């Protein structure tokens, strides 16, 4: 499994932008999470040059490992 930024050659640090929804319950001055969705990957960027990488083009094993690591779908 390898991931390399085609722009700068970085192969270590990447920014994975996700979206996660929460339903909060406010009662008696307390705020509690009553529901939350699993995070979905919106974008992957190189942490060095901020170039966008196409997450859908990652090899299956790497894509699954990223999703598992961040608890996403």
C-alpha atoms as a PDB file:
ATOM      1  CA  UNK A   1       0.000   0.000   0.000  1.00  0.00           C
ATOM      2  CA  UNK A   2       1.507   3.273  -1.082  1.00  0.00           C
ATOM      3  CA  UNK A   3       0.147   6.738  -1.504  1.00  0.00           C
ATOM      4  CA  UNK A   4       2.246   9.460  -3.076  1.00  0.00           C
ATOM      5  CA  UNK A   5       1.274  12.989  -4.026  1.00  0.00           C
ATOM      6  CA  UNK A   6       1.800  13.293  -7.786  1.00  0.00           C
ATOM      7  CA  UNK A   7       2.562  17.006  -7.385  1.00  0.00           C
ATOM      8  CA  UNK A   8       5.301  17.072  -4.711  1.00  0.00           C
ATOM      9  CA  UNK A   9       6.178  13.431  -3.975  1.00  0.00           C
ATOM     10  CA  UNK A  10       4.963  13.488  -0.350  1.00  0.00           C
ATOM     11  CA  UNK A  11       4.225   9.949   0.784  1.00  0.00           C
ATOM     12  CA  UNK A  12       3.668  10.446   4.522  1.00  0.00           C
ATOM     13  CA  UNK A  13       1.099  13.080   5.512  1.00  0.00           C
ATOM     14  CA  UNK A  14      -2.342  13.646   4.050  1.00  0.00           C
ATOM     15  CA  UNK A  15      -5.372  15.636   5.146  1.00  0.00           C
ATOM     16  CA  UNK A  16      -8.638  13.688   5.012  1.00  0.00           C
ATOM     17  CA  UNK A  17     -11.659  15.990   5.188  1.00  0.00           C
ATOM     18  CA  UNK A  18     -14.783  14.311   6.505  1.00  0.00           C
ATOM     19  CA  UNK A  19     -18.374  15.169   7.247  1.00  0.00           C
ATOM     20  CA  UNK A  20     -20.182  13.812  10.286  1.00  0.00           C
ATOM     21  CA  UNK A  21     -23.685  14.646  11.453  1.00  0.00           C
ATOM     22  CA  UNK A  22     -24.794  14.743  15.102  1.00  0.00           C
ATOM     23  CA  UNK A  23     -28.241  15.012  16.647  1.00  0.00           C
ATOM     24  CA  UNK A  24     -28.005  16.724  20.020  1.00  0.00           C
ATOM     25  CA  UNK A  25     -30.566  16.745  22.792  1.00  0.00           C
ATOM     26  CA  UNK A  26     -30.744  19.856  24.979  1.00  0.00           C
ATOM     27  CA  UNK A  27     -32.609  19.218  28.197  1.00  0.00           C
ATOM     28  CA  UNK A  28     -32.309  20.738  31.638  1.00  0.00           C
ATOM     29  CA  UNK A  29     -29.239  22.758  30.715  1.00  0.00           C
ATOM     30  CA  UNK A  30     -27.382  19.675  29.450  1.00  0.00           C
ATOM     31  CA  UNK A  31     -26.372  18.950  25.875  1.00  0.00           C
ATOM     32  CA  UNK A  32     -26.016  15.296  24.906  1.00  0.00           C
ATOM     33  CA  UNK A  33     -25.474  13.554  21.594  1.00  0.00           C
ATOM     34  CA  UNK A  34     -28.447  11.312  20.893  1.00  0.00           C
ATOM     35  CA  UNK A  35     -27.395  10.182  17.392  1.00  0.00           C
ATOM     36  CA  UNK A  36     -24.335  10.475  15.218  1.00  0.00           C
ATOM     37  CA  UNK A  37     -23.517   9.301  11.734  1.00  0.00           C
ATOM     38  CA  UNK A  38     -20.276   7.715  10.671  1.00  0.00           C
ATOM     39  CA  UNK A  39     -17.950  10.214   8.982  1.00  0.00           C
ATOM     40  CA  UNK A  40     -17.954  10.311   5.184  1.00  0.00           C
ATOM     41  CA  UNK A  41     -14.809  11.284   3.239  1.00  0.00           C
ATOM     42  CA  UNK A  42     -15.288  14.534   1.343  1.00  0.00           C
ATOM     43  CA  UNK A  43     -11.753  15.262   0.172  1.00  0.00           C
ATOM     44  CA  UNK A  44      -8.149  14.074   0.512  1.00  0.00           C
ATOM     45  CA  UNK A  45      -5.351  16.624   0.257  1.00  0.00           C
ATOM     46  CA  UNK A  46      -1.578  16.394   0.376  1.00  0.00           C
ATOM     47  CA  UNK A  47      -0.524  17.922   3.706  1.00  0.00           C
ATOM     48  CA  UNK A  48       2.604  19.410   2.096  1.00  0.00           C
ATOM     49  CA  UNK A  49       1.334  21.149  -1.065  1.00  0.00           C
ATOM     50  CA  UNK A  50      -2.456  20.887  -0.543  1.00  0.00           C
ATOM     51  CA  UNK A  51      -3.011  19.212  -3.910  1.00  0.00           C
ATOM     52  CA  UNK A  52      -6.254  17.250  -4.099  1.00  0.00           C
ATOM     53  CA  UNK A  53      -5.998  13.488  -4.526  1.00  0.00           C
ATOM     54  CA  UNK A  54      -8.847  11.440  -5.980  1.00  0.00           C
ATOM     55  CA  UNK A  55      -9.923   9.134  -3.141  1.00  0.00           C
ATOM     56  CA  UNK A  56     -11.927   6.972  -5.550  1.00  0.00           C
ATOM     57  CA  UNK A  57      -8.713   6.180  -7.468  1.00  0.00           C
ATOM     58  CA  UNK A  58      -6.865   4.831  -4.391  1.00  0.00           C
ATOM     59  CA  UNK A  59      -6.275   1.080  -4.552  1.00  0.00           C
ATOM     60  CA  UNK A  60      -9.042  -0.800  -2.735  1.00  0.00           C
ATOM     61  CA  UNK A  61      -6.836  -1.978   0.127  1.00  0.00           C
ATOM     62  CA  UNK A  62      -5.603   1.544   0.877  1.00  0.00           C
ATOM     63  CA  UNK A  63      -9.064   3.090   0.593  1.00  0.00           C
ATOM     64  CA  UNK A  64     -10.506   0.492   2.991  1.00  0.00           C
ATOM     65  CA  UNK A  65      -7.642   1.042   5.454  1.00  0.00           C
ATOM     66  CA  UNK A  66      -8.214   4.824   5.445  1.00  0.00           C
ATOM     67  CA  UNK A  67     -11.947   4.348   6.005  1.00  0.00           C
ATOM     68  CA  UNK A  68     -11.359   1.861   8.805  1.00  0.00           C
ATOM     69  CA  UNK A  69      -8.792   4.119  10.487  1.00  0.00           C
ATOM     70  CA  UNK A  70     -11.083   7.152  10.577  1.00  0.00           C
ATOM     71  CA  UNK A  71     -14.220   5.116  11.307  1.00  0.00           C
ATOM     72  CA  UNK A  72     -15.895   6.203   8.087  1.00  0.00           C
ATOM     73  CA  UNK A  73     -17.878   4.487   5.389  1.00  0.00           C
END
